[in-house]
Amino acid sequence: MLKAVRRTFGIVAFFALIFGAIKTSFQWLARSEDDNHEIFIDEEEREDIF
């Protein structure tokens, strides 16, 4: 029983580690100001389309 609980905790910790790494990488990418994939450059272009 204790072995099953330890394995379950290990699996949950592993997925939490993976999720944290992915979240951190997305935050690091979002911090970059050289985003050439923006749809709207500024507010005026956004107002022109709508």
N, C-alpha and C. Protein backbone atom coordinates (compact mmCIF):
# COMPACT_ATOMS: atom_id res chain seq x y z
N MET A 1 0.84 -1.20 0.00
CA MET A 1 0.00 0.00 0.00
C MET A 1 0.88 1.25 0.00
N LEU A 2 1.88 1.26 0.84
CA LEU A 2 2.76 2.42 0.91
C LEU A 2 3.51 2.60 -0.41
N LYS A 3 3.85 1.50 -1.04
CA LYS A 3 4.56 1.57 -2.32
C LYS A 3 3.67 2.21 -3.39
N ALA A 4 2.40 1.90 -3.40
CA ALA A 4 1.46 2.48 -4.37
C ALA A 4 1.30 3.98 -4.15
N VAL A 5 1.24 4.38 -2.88
CA VAL A 5 1.11 5.81 -2.57
C VAL A 5 2.37 6.55 -3.01
N ARG A 6 3.53 5.96 -2.78
CA ARG A 6 4.79 6.60 -3.18
C ARG A 6 4.87 6.72 -4.70
N ARG A 7 4.44 5.68 -5.42
CA ARG A 7 4.46 5.74 -6.88
C ARG A 7 3.49 6.80 -7.40
N THR A 8 2.31 6.85 -6.82
CA THR A 8 1.32 7.85 -7.23
C THR A 8 1.86 9.25 -6.98
N PHE A 9 2.46 9.46 -5.82
CA PHE A 9 3.04 10.77 -5.50
C PHE A 9 4.18 11.09 -6.47
N GLY A 10 4.97 10.11 -6.82
CA GLY A 10 6.06 10.32 -7.77
C GLY A 10 5.56 10.70 -9.15
N ILE A 11 4.50 10.05 -9.59
CA ILE A 11 3.92 10.36 -10.90
C ILE A 11 3.34 11.77 -10.91
N VAL A 12 2.63 12.13 -9.85
CA VAL A 12 2.06 13.48 -9.75
C VAL A 12 3.17 14.52 -9.71
N ALA A 13 4.23 14.25 -8.98
CA ALA A 13 5.36 15.19 -8.90
C ALA A 13 6.03 15.33 -10.26
N PHE A 14 6.15 14.22 -10.97
CA PHE A 14 6.77 14.26 -12.30
C PHE A 14 5.96 15.14 -13.25
N PHE A 15 4.64 14.95 -13.27
CA PHE A 15 3.81 15.77 -14.15
C PHE A 15 3.79 17.23 -13.71
N ALA A 16 3.87 17.48 -12.42
CA ALA A 16 3.94 18.87 -11.93
C ALA A 16 5.24 19.52 -12.38
N LEU A 17 6.32 18.76 -12.38
CA LEU A 17 7.61 19.27 -12.84
C LEU A 17 7.56 19.60 -14.34
N ILE A 18 6.97 18.71 -15.12
CA ILE A 18 6.83 18.94 -16.56
C ILE A 18 5.96 20.17 -16.81
N PHE A 19 4.83 20.25 -16.12
CA PHE A 19 3.92 21.40 -16.29
C PHE A 19 4.62 22.71 -15.90
N GLY A 20 5.37 22.69 -14.81
CA GLY A 20 6.09 23.89 -14.38
C GLY A 20 7.14 24.32 -15.39
N ALA A 21 7.83 23.36 -15.98
CA ALA A 21 8.84 23.69 -16.99
C ALA A 21 8.19 24.28 -18.23
N ILE A 22 7.07 23.73 -18.65
CA ILE A 22 6.36 24.27 -19.82
C ILE A 22 5.84 25.67 -19.53
N LYS A 23 5.28 25.86 -18.35
CA LYS A 23 4.75 27.18 -17.97
C LYS A 23 5.87 28.22 -17.92
N THR A 24 7.00 27.84 -17.35
CA THR A 24 8.14 28.76 -17.27
C THR A 24 8.66 29.11 -18.65
N SER A 25 8.71 28.13 -19.54
CA SER A 25 9.20 28.42 -20.89
C SER A 25 8.25 29.35 -21.63
N PHE A 26 6.93 29.18 -21.45
CA PHE A 26 5.98 30.08 -22.09
C PHE A 26 6.09 31.49 -21.50
N GLN A 27 6.31 31.60 -20.21
CA GLN A 27 6.49 32.92 -19.60
C GLN A 27 7.76 33.58 -20.11
N TRP A 28 8.81 32.78 -20.30
CA TRP A 28 10.07 33.32 -20.81
C TRP A 28 9.89 33.80 -22.25
N LEU A 29 9.15 33.04 -23.05
CA LEU A 29 8.89 33.47 -24.42
C LEU A 29 8.01 34.71 -24.47
N ALA A 30 7.03 34.81 -23.57
CA ALA A 30 6.14 35.97 -23.55
C ALA A 30 6.88 37.22 -23.11
N ARG A 31 7.95 37.07 -22.35
CA ARG A 31 8.71 38.21 -21.87
C ARG A 31 9.50 38.88 -22.99
N SER A 32 9.77 38.14 -24.04
CA SER A 32 10.51 38.67 -25.18
C SER A 32 9.68 39.74 -25.88
N GLU A 33 10.28 40.88 -26.14
CA GLU A 33 9.54 41.97 -26.78
C GLU A 33 9.69 41.93 -28.29
N ASP A 34 10.42 41.00 -28.84
CA ASP A 34 10.60 40.88 -30.28
C ASP A 34 9.57 39.93 -30.85
N ASP A 35 8.32 40.20 -30.59
CA ASP A 35 7.25 39.33 -31.05
C ASP A 35 6.81 39.81 -32.43
N ASN A 36 7.25 39.11 -33.45
CA ASN A 36 6.90 39.48 -34.82
C ASN A 36 5.61 38.82 -35.28
N HIS A 37 4.95 38.12 -34.39
CA HIS A 37 3.74 37.41 -34.76
C HIS A 37 2.49 38.08 -34.22
N GLU A 38 2.58 39.35 -33.89
CA GLU A 38 1.41 40.06 -33.39
C GLU A 38 0.44 40.31 -34.53
N ILE A 39 -0.83 40.22 -34.22
CA ILE A 39 -1.84 40.47 -35.24
C ILE A 39 -2.01 41.97 -35.44
N PHE A 40 -2.08 42.72 -34.36
CA PHE A 40 -2.28 44.16 -34.43
C PHE A 40 -1.03 44.84 -33.88
N ILE A 41 -0.51 45.79 -34.64
CA ILE A 41 0.67 46.51 -34.21
C ILE A 41 0.31 47.50 -33.10
N ASP A 42 -0.76 48.24 -33.27
CA ASP A 42 -1.15 49.20 -32.25
C ASP A 42 -2.68 49.30 -32.19
N GLU A 43 -3.15 50.15 -31.31
CA GLU A 43 -4.60 50.28 -31.09
C GLU A 43 -5.32 50.85 -32.31
N GLU A 44 -4.66 51.74 -33.07
CA GLU A 44 -5.33 52.35 -34.22
C GLU A 44 -5.66 51.32 -35.28
N GLU A 45 -4.75 50.38 -35.53
CA GLU A 45 -5.03 49.34 -36.53
C GLU A 45 -6.17 48.44 -36.04
N ARG A 46 -6.24 48.21 -34.76
CA ARG A 46 -7.31 47.38 -34.21
C ARG A 46 -8.66 48.06 -34.43
N GLU A 47 -8.72 49.38 -34.24
CA GLU A 47 -9.97 50.10 -34.42
C GLU A 47 -10.37 50.16 -35.89
N ASP A 48 -9.39 50.20 -36.80
CA ASP A 48 -9.70 50.26 -38.23
C ASP A 48 -10.37 48.98 -38.71
N ILE A 49 -10.02 47.86 -38.15
CA ILE A 49 -10.56 46.58 -38.61
C ILE A 49 -11.98 46.38 -38.10
N PHE A 50 -12.24 46.78 -36.86
CA PHE A 50 -13.58 46.59 -36.30
C PHE A 50 -14.40 47.76 -36.70
